[in-house]
C-alpha atoms as a PDB file:
ATOM      1  CA  MET A   1       0.109  -0.072  -0.062  1.00  0.00           C
ATOM      2  CA  ASN A   2       1.077   3.607  -0.571  1.00  0.00           C
ATOM      3  CA  ASP A   3       1.317   6.404   1.918  1.00  0.00           C
ATOM      4  CA  SER A   4      -2.413   7.539   1.167  1.00  0.00           C
ATOM      5  CA  GLN A   5      -3.665   4.146   1.648  1.00  0.00           C
ATOM      6  CA  ASN A   6      -1.748   3.658   4.869  1.00  0.00           C
ATOM      7  CA  ARG A   7      -2.908   6.948   6.352  1.00  0.00           C
ATOM      8  CA  ARG A   8      -6.495   5.943   5.416  1.00  0.00           C
ATOM      9  CA  PHE A   9      -6.265   2.476   7.019  1.00  0.00           C
ATOM     10  CA  ILE A  10      -4.985   4.165  10.239  1.00  0.00           C
ATOM     11  CA  GLU A  11      -7.673   6.706  10.457  1.00  0.00           C
ATOM     12  CA  ILE A  12     -10.137   3.947  10.089  1.00  0.00           C
ATOM     13  CA  MET A  13      -8.751   1.978  12.881  1.00  0.00           C
ATOM     14  CA  ILE A  14      -8.862   5.072  15.035  1.00  0.00           C
ATOM     15  CA  GLY A  15     -12.241   5.778  14.033  1.00  0.00           C
ATOM     16  CA  VAL A  16     -13.369   2.230  14.996  1.00  0.00           C
ATOM     17  CA  PHE A  17     -11.629   2.545  18.326  1.00  0.00           C
ATOM     18  CA  LEU A  18     -13.143   5.849  19.200  1.00  0.00           C
ATOM     19  CA  LEU A  19     -16.659   4.565  18.070  1.00  0.00           C
ATOM     20  CA  LEU A  20     -16.364   1.344  20.307  1.00  0.00           C
ATOM     21  CA  ALA A  21     -14.931   3.263  23.208  1.00  0.00           C
ATOM     22  CA  GLY A  22     -17.661   5.858  23.038  1.00  0.00           C
ATOM     23  CA  LEU A  23     -20.501   3.406  22.769  1.00  0.00           C
ATOM     24  CA  SER A  24     -19.025   1.284  25.655  1.00  0.00           C
ATOM     25  CA  SER A  25     -18.772   4.182  27.921  1.00  0.00           C
ATOM     26  CA  ILE A  26     -21.725   6.200  27.050  1.00  0.00           C
ATOM     27  CA  ALA A  27     -23.694   5.031  30.123  1.00  0.00           C
ATOM     28  CA  ASN A  28     -20.861   6.400  32.602  1.00  0.00           C
ATOM     29  CA  ALA A  29     -19.344   9.349  30.588  1.00  0.00           C
ATOM     30  CA  GLY A  30     -22.338  10.492  28.961  1.00  0.00           C
ATOM     31  CA  PHE A  31     -22.010  13.605  26.780  1.00  0.00           C
ATOM     32  CA  PHE A  32     -18.190  12.888  26.393  1.00  0.00           C
ATOM     33  CA  ALA A  33     -18.642   9.436  25.378  1.00  0.00           C
ATOM     34  CA  LEU A  34     -21.232  10.524  22.708  1.00  0.00           C
ATOM     35  CA  ILE A  35     -18.586  12.954  21.171  1.00  0.00           C
ATOM     36  CA  LEU A  36     -15.950  10.079  21.028  1.00  0.00           C
ATOM     37  CA  ALA A  37     -18.490   7.824  19.323  1.00  0.00           C
ATOM     38  CA  GLY A  38     -19.541  10.778  16.897  1.00  0.00           C
ATOM     39  CA  LEU A  39     -15.862  11.502  16.094  1.00  0.00           C
ATOM     40  CA  GLY A  40     -15.151   7.780  15.420  1.00  0.00           C
ATOM     41  CA  PHE A  41     -18.098   7.367  13.169  1.00  0.00           C
ATOM     42  CA  TRP A  42     -17.083  10.512  11.113  1.00  0.00           C
ATOM     43  CA  LEU A  43     -13.520   9.174  10.560  1.00  0.00           C
ATOM     44  CA  VAL A  44     -14.762   5.710   9.473  1.00  0.00           C
ATOM     45  CA  SER A  45     -17.502   7.054   7.186  1.00  0.00           C
ATOM     46  CA  ARG A  46     -15.044   9.631   5.603  1.00  0.00           C
ATOM     47  CA  ASN A  47     -12.459   6.995   4.772  1.00  0.00           C
ATOM     48  CA  PHE A  48     -14.816   4.476   3.511  1.00  0.00           C
ATOM     49  CA  ARG A  49     -16.278   7.163   1.094  1.00  0.00           C
ATOM     50  CA  GLY A  50     -12.726   8.047  -0.089  1.00  0.00           C
ATOM     51  CA  THR A  51     -11.803   4.496  -0.513  1.00  0.00           C
ATOM     52  CA  ARG A  52     -14.794   3.759  -2.803  1.00  0.00           C
ATOM     53  CA  GLU A  53     -14.219   6.912  -4.943  1.00  0.00           C
ATOM     54  CA  PHE A  54     -10.737   5.893  -5.314  1.00  0.00           C
ATOM     55  CA  LEU A  55     -11.468   2.377  -6.529  1.00  0.00           C
ATOM     56  CA  GLN A  56     -14.004   3.747  -9.024  1.00  0.00           C
ATOM     57  CA  SER A  57     -11.656   6.200 -10.491  1.00  0.00           C
ATOM     58  CA  SER A  58      -8.517   3.978 -10.611  1.00  0.00           C
ATOM     59  CA  SER A  59     -10.205   0.986 -12.176  1.00  0.00           C
ATOM     60  CA  PRO A  60     -12.741   2.331 -14.746  1.00  0.00           C
ATOM     61  CA  ARG A  61     -14.951  -0.297 -16.342  1.00  0.00           C
ATOM     62  CA  GLN A  62     -16.088   0.007 -19.965  1.00  0.00           C
ATOM     63  CA  ARG A  63     -19.672  -0.681 -20.315  1.00  0.00           C
ATOM     64  CA  PHE A  64     -21.521  -1.096 -23.507  1.00  0.00           C
ATOM     65  CA  ASP A  65     -25.217   0.080 -23.814  1.00  0.00           C
ATOM     66  CA  PHE A  66     -26.878  -2.262 -26.181  1.00  0.00           C
ATOM     67  CA  GLY A  67     -30.439  -2.418 -24.904  1.00  0.00           C
ATOM     68  CA  ASP A  68     -32.191  -1.580 -21.713  1.00  0.00           C
ATOM     69  CA  ASP A  69     -31.045  -4.830 -19.977  1.00  0.00           C
ATOM     70  CA  ALA A  70     -27.235  -4.157 -20.375  1.00  0.00           C
ATOM     71  CA  ASP A  71     -26.845  -3.586 -16.639  1.00  0.00           C
ATOM     72  CA  ASP A  72     -27.831  -7.064 -15.817  1.00  0.00           C
ATOM     73  CA  TYR A  73     -24.829  -8.409 -17.813  1.00  0.00           C
ATOM     74  CA  GLU A  74     -22.007  -6.166 -16.379  1.00  0.00           C
ATOM     75  CA  ASP A  75     -18.523  -7.704 -16.648  1.00  0.00           C
ATOM     76  CA  ASP A  76     -17.408  -9.573 -13.451  1.00  0.00           C
ATOM     77  CA  GLU A  77     -13.870  -8.534 -14.186  1.00  0.00           C
ATOM     78  CA  ASP A  78     -12.368  -5.135 -14.650  1.00  0.00           C
ATOM     79  CA  THR A  79     -10.216  -5.942 -17.699  1.00  0.00           C
ATOM     80  CA  VAL A  80     -11.410  -4.333 -21.138  1.00  0.00           C
ATOM     81  CA  ILE A  81     -10.403  -5.872 -24.358  1.00  0.00           C
ATOM     82  CA  ALA A  82      -9.763  -3.587 -27.428  1.00  0.00           C
ATOM     83  CA  VAL A  83     -12.566  -2.754 -29.769  1.00  0.00           C
ATOM     84  CA  GLN A  84     -10.520  -3.523 -32.937  1.00  0.00           C
ATOM     85  CA  PRO A  85      -9.747  -7.216 -33.045  1.00  0.00           C
ATOM     86  CA  ARG A  86      -6.384  -8.548 -34.253  1.00  0.00           C
ATOM     87  CA  ALA A  87      -6.046  -8.922 -37.955  1.00  0.00           C
ATOM     88  CA  ASP A  88      -6.220 -12.712 -37.785  1.00  0.00           C
ATOM     89  CA  GLN A  89      -9.534 -12.633 -36.287  1.00  0.00           C
ATOM     90  CA  VAL A  90     -11.587 -10.654 -38.764  1.00  0.00           C
ATOM     91  CA  TYR A  91     -12.438 -11.096 -42.592  1.00  0.00           C
ATOM     92  CA  PRO A  92     -11.695  -8.387 -44.790  1.00  0.00           C
ATOM     93  CA  HIS A  93     -15.058  -8.771 -46.451  1.00  0.00           C
ATOM     94  CA  ALA A  94     -16.861  -8.188 -43.029  1.00  0.00           C
ATOM     95  CA  LEU A  95     -14.906  -4.838 -42.621  1.00  0.00           C
ATOM     96  CA  ASP A  96     -16.078  -3.937 -46.160  1.00  0.00           C
ATOM     97  CA  SER A  97     -19.597  -4.698 -45.174  1.00  0.00           C
ATOM     98  CA  VAL A  98     -19.267  -2.411 -42.089  1.00  0.00           C
ATOM     99  CA  ARG A  99     -17.868   0.428 -44.320  1.00  0.00           C
ATOM    100  CA  ARG A 100     -20.800  -0.182 -46.858  1.00  0.00           C
ATOM    101  CA  ALA A 101     -23.180   0.470 -43.991  1.00  0.00           C
ATOM    102  CA  GLY A 102     -21.520   3.972 -43.294  1.00  0.00           C
ATOM    103  CA  LEU A 103     -19.550   3.032 -40.205  1.00  0.00           C
ATOM    104  CA  ASP A 104     -15.835   3.052 -39.381  1.00  0.00           C
ATOM    105  CA  PRO A 105     -14.636  -0.316 -38.254  1.00  0.00           C
ATOM    106  CA  THR A 106     -12.065   1.186 -35.756  1.00  0.00           C
ATOM    107  CA  THR A 107     -14.616   3.029 -33.652  1.00  0.00           C
ATOM    108  CA  ILE A 108     -17.784   0.896 -33.485  1.00  0.00           C
ATOM    109  CA  HIS A 109     -18.290  -1.394 -30.377  1.00  0.00           C
ATOM    110  CA  VAL A 110     -20.337  -4.106 -32.018  1.00  0.00           C
ATOM    111  CA  LEU A 111     -17.889  -5.090 -34.868  1.00  0.00           C
ATOM    112  CA  PRO A 112     -18.910  -7.790 -37.485  1.00  0.00           C
ATOM    113  CA  VAL A 113     -15.849  -9.920 -38.008  1.00  0.00           C
ATOM    114  CA  ASP A 114     -17.399 -12.440 -40.265  1.00  0.00           C
ATOM    115  CA  ILE A 115     -20.675 -12.430 -42.363  1.00  0.00           C
ATOM    116  CA  GLY A 116     -22.259 -14.561 -45.123  1.00  0.00           C
ATOM    117  CA  VAL A 117     -24.840 -17.176 -45.856  1.00  0.00           C
ATOM    118  CA  MET A 118     -25.087 -21.089 -45.259  1.00  0.00           C
ATOM    119  CA  THR A 119     -26.715 -23.118 -48.057  1.00  0.00           C
ATOM    120  CA  PHE A 120     -28.606 -26.506 -47.629  1.00  0.00           C
ATOM    121  CA  SER A 121     -29.167 -29.133 -50.279  1.00  0.00           C
ATOM    122  CA  GLY A 122     -30.929 -32.340 -49.230  1.00  0.00           C
ATOM    123  CA  ASP A 123     -29.062 -34.244 -46.628  1.00  0.00           C
ATOM    124  CA  ASN A 124     -25.707 -32.736 -47.467  1.00  0.00           C
ATOM    125  CA  VAL A 125     -23.604 -30.782 -44.995  1.00  0.00           C
ATOM    126  CA  PRO A 126     -24.279 -27.099 -45.111  1.00  0.00           C
ATOM    127  CA  VAL A 127     -21.918 -24.949 -47.145  1.00  0.00           C
ATOM    128  CA  ILE A 128     -20.705 -21.489 -45.957  1.00  0.00           C
ATOM    129  CA  HIS A 129     -20.451 -18.742 -48.548  1.00  0.00           C
ATOM    130  CA  ARG A 130     -18.717 -15.593 -47.789  1.00  0.00           C
ATOM    131  CA  ASN A 131     -17.368 -14.414 -51.230  1.00  0.00           C
ATOM    132  CA  ILE A 132     -17.998 -17.428 -53.452  1.00  0.00           C
ATOM    133  CA  PRO A 133     -21.338 -17.517 -55.464  1.00  0.00           C
ATOM    134  CA  VAL A 134     -24.232 -19.581 -54.331  1.00  0.00           C
ATOM    135  CA  MET A 135     -25.728 -22.163 -56.610  1.00  0.00           C
ATOM    136  CA  ASP A 136     -29.306 -21.369 -57.580  1.00  0.00           C
ATOM    137  CA  ASP A 137     -30.331 -24.868 -57.145  1.00  0.00           C
ATOM    138  CA  VAL A 138     -29.831 -25.099 -53.430  1.00  0.00           C
ATOM    139  CA  ASP A 139     -32.873 -25.784 -51.118  1.00  0.00           C
ATOM    140  CA  TYR A 140     -32.362 -23.186 -48.615  1.00  0.00           C
ATOM    141  CA  ILE A 141     -30.154 -20.281 -47.555  1.00  0.00           C
ATOM    142  CA  GLN A 142     -29.687 -18.954 -43.961  1.00  0.00           C
ATOM    143  CA  PRO A 143     -27.692 -15.799 -43.167  1.00  0.00           C
ATOM    144  CA  PHE A 144     -25.053 -15.511 -40.307  1.00  0.00           C
ATOM    145  CA  VAL A 145     -22.908 -12.993 -38.731  1.00  0.00           C
ATOM    146  CA  GLN A 146     -20.157 -13.130 -36.124  1.00  0.00           C
ATOM    147  CA  LEU A 147     -19.994 -10.148 -33.804  1.00  0.00           C
ATOM    148  CA  ARG A 148     -17.136  -9.049 -31.515  1.00  0.00           C
ATOM    149  CA  LEU A 149     -18.105  -6.854 -28.457  1.00  0.00           C
ATOM    150  CA  PRO A 150     -15.932  -5.428 -25.693  1.00  0.00           C
ATOM    151  CA  THR A 151     -18.368  -6.500 -22.862  1.00  0.00           C
ATOM    152  CA  ARG A 152     -21.470  -8.469 -22.242  1.00  0.00           C
ATOM    153  CA  ALA A 153     -24.748  -6.844 -23.723  1.00  0.00           C
ATOM    154  CA  VAL A 154     -28.378  -7.557 -24.632  1.00  0.00           C
ATOM    155  CA  GLY A 155     -29.793  -6.453 -27.884  1.00  0.00           C
ATOM    156  CA  ARG A 156     -32.070  -7.109 -30.874  1.00  0.00           C
ATOM    157  CA  ILE A 157     -30.397  -8.396 -34.027  1.00  0.00           C
ATOM    158  CA  ARG A 158     -32.131  -8.152 -37.270  1.00  0.00           C
ATOM    159  CA  PHE A 159     -31.360  -9.956 -40.621  1.00  0.00           C
ATOM    160  CA  GLU A 160     -32.671  -8.713 -43.886  1.00  0.00           C
ATOM    161  CA  MET A 161     -32.136 -10.090 -47.476  1.00  0.00           C
ATOM    162  CA  LEU A 162     -33.066  -8.130 -50.645  1.00  0.00           C
ATOM    163  CA  ASP A 163     -33.049  -9.772 -54.065  1.00  0.00           C
ATOM    164  CA  SER A 164     -31.584  -8.640 -57.388  1.00  0.00           C
ATOM    165  CA  ASP A 165     -34.607  -6.370 -57.887  1.00  0.00           C
ATOM    166  CA  GLY A 166     -34.302  -4.627 -54.517  1.00  0.00           C
ATOM    167  CA  GLU A 167     -37.289  -6.613 -53.022  1.00  0.00           C
ATOM    168  CA  THR A 168     -37.221  -7.815 -49.446  1.00  0.00           C
ATOM    169  CA  VAL A 169     -37.359 -11.433 -49.442  1.00  0.00           C
ATOM    170  CA  PHE A 170     -36.264 -12.430 -45.856  1.00  0.00           C
ATOM    171  CA  VAL A 171     -36.677 -10.637 -42.482  1.00  0.00           C
ATOM    172  CA  HIS A 172     -35.933 -12.180 -39.087  1.00  0.00           C
ATOM    173  CA  GLU A 173     -35.244 -10.374 -35.766  1.00  0.00           C
ATOM    174  CA  ASN A 174     -34.626 -11.611 -32.282  1.00  0.00           C
ATOM    175  CA  ASP A 175     -33.201 -10.648 -28.842  1.00  0.00           C
ATOM    176  CA  HIS A 176     -29.841 -11.950 -28.021  1.00  0.00           C
ATOM    177  CA  LYS A 177     -27.710 -12.097 -24.956  1.00  0.00           C
ATOM    178  CA  LEU A 178     -24.285 -11.311 -26.152  1.00  0.00           C
ATOM    179  CA  GLN A 179     -21.004 -12.326 -24.432  1.00  0.00           C
ATOM    180  CA  LYS A 180     -17.801 -10.384 -24.394  1.00  0.00           C
ATOM    181  CA  GLY A 181     -15.757 -11.428 -27.268  1.00  0.00           C
ATOM    182  CA  LEU A 182     -17.014 -13.361 -30.363  1.00  0.00           C
ATOM    183  CA  ASN A 183     -20.737 -14.164 -30.873  1.00  0.00           C
ATOM    184  CA  LEU A 184     -21.967 -16.280 -33.922  1.00  0.00           C
ATOM    185  CA  ILE A 185     -25.459 -15.472 -34.706  1.00  0.00           C
ATOM    186  CA  SER A 186     -27.804 -16.933 -37.160  1.00  0.00           C
ATOM    187  CA  PRO A 187     -31.684 -16.758 -37.382  1.00  0.00           C
ATOM    188  CA  SER A 188     -33.639 -19.799 -36.672  1.00  0.00           C
ATOM    189  CA  ALA A 189     -35.444 -19.430 -40.086  1.00  0.00           C
ATOM    190  CA  ARG A 190     -34.104 -20.202 -43.658  1.00  0.00           C
ATOM    191  CA  LEU A 191     -35.177 -18.878 -47.046  1.00  0.00           C
ATOM    192  CA  PRO A 192     -36.436 -21.585 -49.530  1.00  0.00           C
ATOM    193  CA  ILE A 193     -34.956 -21.217 -52.977  1.00  0.00           C
ATOM    194  CA  HIS A 194     -37.165 -21.479 -55.991  1.00  0.00           C
ATOM    195  CA  ASP A 195     -37.126 -20.477 -59.774  1.00  0.00           C
ATOM    196  CA  GLN A 196     -39.366 -17.344 -59.148  1.00  0.00           C
ATOM    197  CA  LEU A 197     -36.584 -15.635 -57.063  1.00  0.00           C
ATOM    198  CA  ALA A 198     -34.556 -12.941 -58.823  1.00  0.00           C
ATOM    199  CA  THR A 199     -31.072 -14.176 -58.842  1.00  0.00           C
ATOM    200  CA  ALA A 200     -29.675 -12.519 -62.062  1.00  0.00           C
ATOM    201  CA  LYS A 201     -27.646 -10.001 -60.050  1.00  0.00           C
ATOM    202  CA  ASP A 202     -26.331  -9.561 -56.528  1.00  0.00           C
ATOM    203  CA  TRP A 203     -28.231  -9.855 -53.432  1.00  0.00           C
ATOM    204  CA  LEU A 204     -27.929  -7.679 -50.165  1.00  0.00           C
ATOM    205  CA  LEU A 205     -27.660  -8.950 -46.679  1.00  0.00           C
ATOM    206  CA  ARG A 206     -28.172  -6.359 -44.074  1.00  0.00           C
ATOM    207  CA  VAL A 207     -27.678  -6.880 -40.365  1.00  0.00           C
ATOM    208  CA  SER A 208     -28.810  -4.431 -37.710  1.00  0.00           C
ATOM    209  CA  ALA A 209     -28.400  -4.098 -34.025  1.00  0.00           C
ATOM    210  CA  ASP A 210     -31.002  -2.360 -32.002  1.00  0.00           C
ATOM    211  CA  GLY A 211     -32.196  -0.607 -35.278  1.00  0.00           C
ATOM    212  CA  VAL A 212     -28.700   0.590 -36.237  1.00  0.00           C
ATOM    213  CA  GLU A 213     -27.447  -0.986 -39.448  1.00  0.00           C
ATOM    214  CA  ILE A 214     -24.004  -2.395 -38.765  1.00  0.00           C
ATOM    215  CA  ALA A 215     -23.167  -4.437 -41.999  1.00  0.00           C
ATOM    216  CA  GLU A 216     -24.200  -4.661 -45.466  1.00  0.00           C
ATOM    217  CA  HIS A 217     -23.002  -7.651 -47.404  1.00  0.00           C
ATOM    218  CA  ARG A 218     -23.340  -8.540 -50.961  1.00  0.00           C
ATOM    219  CA  PHE A 219     -23.305 -11.896 -52.406  1.00  0.00           C
ATOM    220  CA  ASN A 220     -24.146 -13.245 -55.870  1.00  0.00           C
ATOM    221  CA  TRP A 221     -25.605 -16.320 -57.611  1.00  0.00           C
ATOM    222  CA  GLN A 222     -24.307 -18.936 -60.152  1.00  0.00           C
ATOM    223  CA  GLU A 223     -26.733 -20.601 -62.435  1.00  0.00           C
ATOM    224  CA  SER A 224     -26.788 -24.449 -62.132  1.00  0.00           C
ATOM    225  CA  THR A 225     -26.580 -26.856 -65.091  1.00  0.00           C
ATOM    226  CA  SER A 226     -30.160 -28.129 -64.363  1.00  0.00           C
ATOM    227  CA  LYS A 227     -31.615 -24.656 -64.393  1.00  0.00           C
ATOM    228  CA  ALA A 228     -29.808 -23.763 -67.611  1.00  0.00           C
ATOM    229  CA  MET A 229     -31.270 -26.889 -69.260  1.00  0.00           C
ATOM    230  CA  ARG A 230     -34.767 -25.947 -67.945  1.00  0.00           C
ATOM    231  CA  ARG A 231     -34.382 -22.473 -69.389  1.00  0.00           C
ATOM    232  CA  HIS A 232     -33.827 -23.885 -72.955  1.00  0.00           C
ATOM    233  CA  ILE A 233     -36.716 -26.259 -72.797  1.00  0.00           C
ATOM    234  CA  ASN A 234     -40.147 -24.732 -73.893  1.00  0.00           C
ATOM    235  CA  ALA A 235     -43.510 -25.478 -72.401  1.00  0.00           C
ATOM    236  CA  ASP A 236     -44.083 -28.445 -74.754  1.00  0.00           C
ATOM    237  CA  GLY A 237     -40.949 -30.169 -73.474  1.00  0.00           C
ATOM    238  CA  GLU A 238     -38.989 -29.491 -76.781  1.00  0.00           C
ATOM    239  CA  LEU A 239     -35.301 -28.245 -76.978  1.00  0.00           C
ATOM    240  CA  SER A 240     -34.831 -24.716 -78.157  1.00  0.00           C
ATOM    241  CA  ASN A 241     -32.958 -24.041 -81.538  1.00  0.00           C
ATOM    242  CA  GLU A 242     -29.887 -22.854 -79.477  1.00  0.00           C
ATOM    243  CA  VAL A 243     -29.646 -26.124 -77.641  1.00  0.00           C
ATOM    244  CA  ARG A 244     -30.198 -28.159 -80.846  1.00  0.00           C
ATOM    245  CA  ALA A 245     -27.439 -26.298 -82.625  1.00  0.00           C
ATOM    246  CA  MET A 246     -25.084 -26.649 -79.683  1.00  0.00           C
ATOM    247  CA  MET A 247     -25.803 -30.572 -79.586  1.00  0.00           C
ATOM    248  CA  ALA A 248     -25.164 -30.753 -83.395  1.00  0.00           C
ATOM    249  CA  GLU A 249     -21.743 -29.046 -82.899  1.00  0.00           C
ATOM    250  CA  ASN A 250     -20.785 -31.440 -80.077  1.00  0.00           C
ATOM    251  CA  ARG A 251     -21.782 -34.450 -82.257  1.00  0.00           C
ATOM    252  CA  LEU A 252     -19.643 -33.018 -85.166  1.00  0.00           C
ATOM    253  CA  GLY A 253     -16.735 -32.588 -82.723  1.00  0.00           C
ATOM    254  CA  LYS A 254     -16.907 -36.320 -81.783  1.00  0.00           C
ATOM    255  CA  MET A 255     -16.701 -37.651 -85.261  1.00  0.00           C
ATOM    256  CA  SER A 256     -13.472 -39.748 -85.889  1.00  0.00           C
ATOM    257  CA  LEU A 257     -10.844 -38.710 -88.279  1.00  0.00           C
ATOM    258  CA  ASP A 258     -11.702 -41.595 -90.518  1.00  0.00           C
ATOM    259  CA  GLU A 259     -15.228 -40.480 -90.919  1.00  0.00           C
ATOM    260  CA  LEU A 260     -14.150 -37.042 -91.867  1.00  0.00           C
ATOM    261  CA  LEU A 261     -11.718 -38.341 -94.500  1.00  0.00           C
ATOM    262  CA  SER A 262     -14.272 -40.718 -95.979  1.00  0.00           C
ATOM    263  CA  GLU A 263     -16.613 -37.747 -96.293  1.00  0.00           C
ATOM    264  CA  GLN A 264     -13.976 -35.654 -97.910  1.00  0.00           C
ATOM    265  CA  ASP A 265     -13.207 -38.675-100.504  1.00  0.00           C
ATOM    266  CA  GLU A 266     -16.871 -38.852-101.449  1.00  0.00           C
ATOM    267  CA  ASP A 267     -17.001 -35.020-101.976  1.00  0.00           C
ATOM    268  CA  ASP A 268     -13.750 -35.320-104.238  1.00  0.00           C
ATOM    269  CA  GLN A 269     -15.236 -38.216-106.350  1.00  0.00           C
ATOM    270  CA  ALA A 270     -18.578 -36.394-107.063  1.00  0.00           C
ATOM    271  CA  PRO A 271     -17.037 -33.989-109.754  1.00  0.00           C
ATOM    272  CA  GLN A 272     -15.288 -36.827-111.432  1.00  0.00           C
ATOM    273  CA  ARG A 273     -18.609 -38.711-111.703  1.00  0.00           C
ATOM    274  CA  GLY A 274     -20.149 -35.691-113.302  1.00  0.00           C
ATOM    275  CA  THR A 275     -17.174 -35.404-115.853  1.00  0.00           C
ATOM    276  CA  ALA A 276     -17.566 -39.067-116.867  1.00  0.00           C
ATOM    277  CA  LYS A 277     -21.284 -38.461-117.812  1.00  0.00           C
ATOM    278  CA  ARG A 278     -20.235 -35.955-120.334  1.00  0.00           C
END
């Protein structure tokens, strides 16, 4: 302990002694004992108040207001982690989504460090898409975001997806208890994928925290082979002229060299037969 703390401790001990002495002799000493007790109480209360103010000023605790119930999840420790995570803990495309939302990644407290969608196809294992295109023949897509917080908090997270035409096709929001550090959040709902959805251009995934947009992520689509074939088949089940021409080119490309030479020989003999008739 330093000199200030030693002096405070001594004054507290003196105050406790005077308080006890005054209370124990108040029946015999009367007014004098009451003065001693009052002096002791004053010394003890003054130093306790000074100790509390000292602790509060020397160990500041960073608190994060993310909802009305943030006080219920105050840190048990006084340590405060940096708002900006290390480079190996954040994806560059996540920082781009923060900037696209009009925020500075180095100053916000709720920092998205990863964002994207998961795709589901039959019984296959879900596939995570961050920057790679999403195949348009998947069954469902489900957004996700990983947030980094400097302290515990409570807040409402909202996911919203817009299609190529700017139409909102998915909205889900729910309250979450967020821990200090990394929090992986994904809605409990998924978006079914079908041919009527506009997937010609990029889609937009927006993530908001308590009404404030914190990320705006873009992802695109890749046309599957099955959908490309369906696009070239008309309502009667017949192939389009484009597909017929493509199939003809493929069939010609698979002809052997002998077949090509035999056809060339037949073409060369045709003029000779015409000359002989003359």
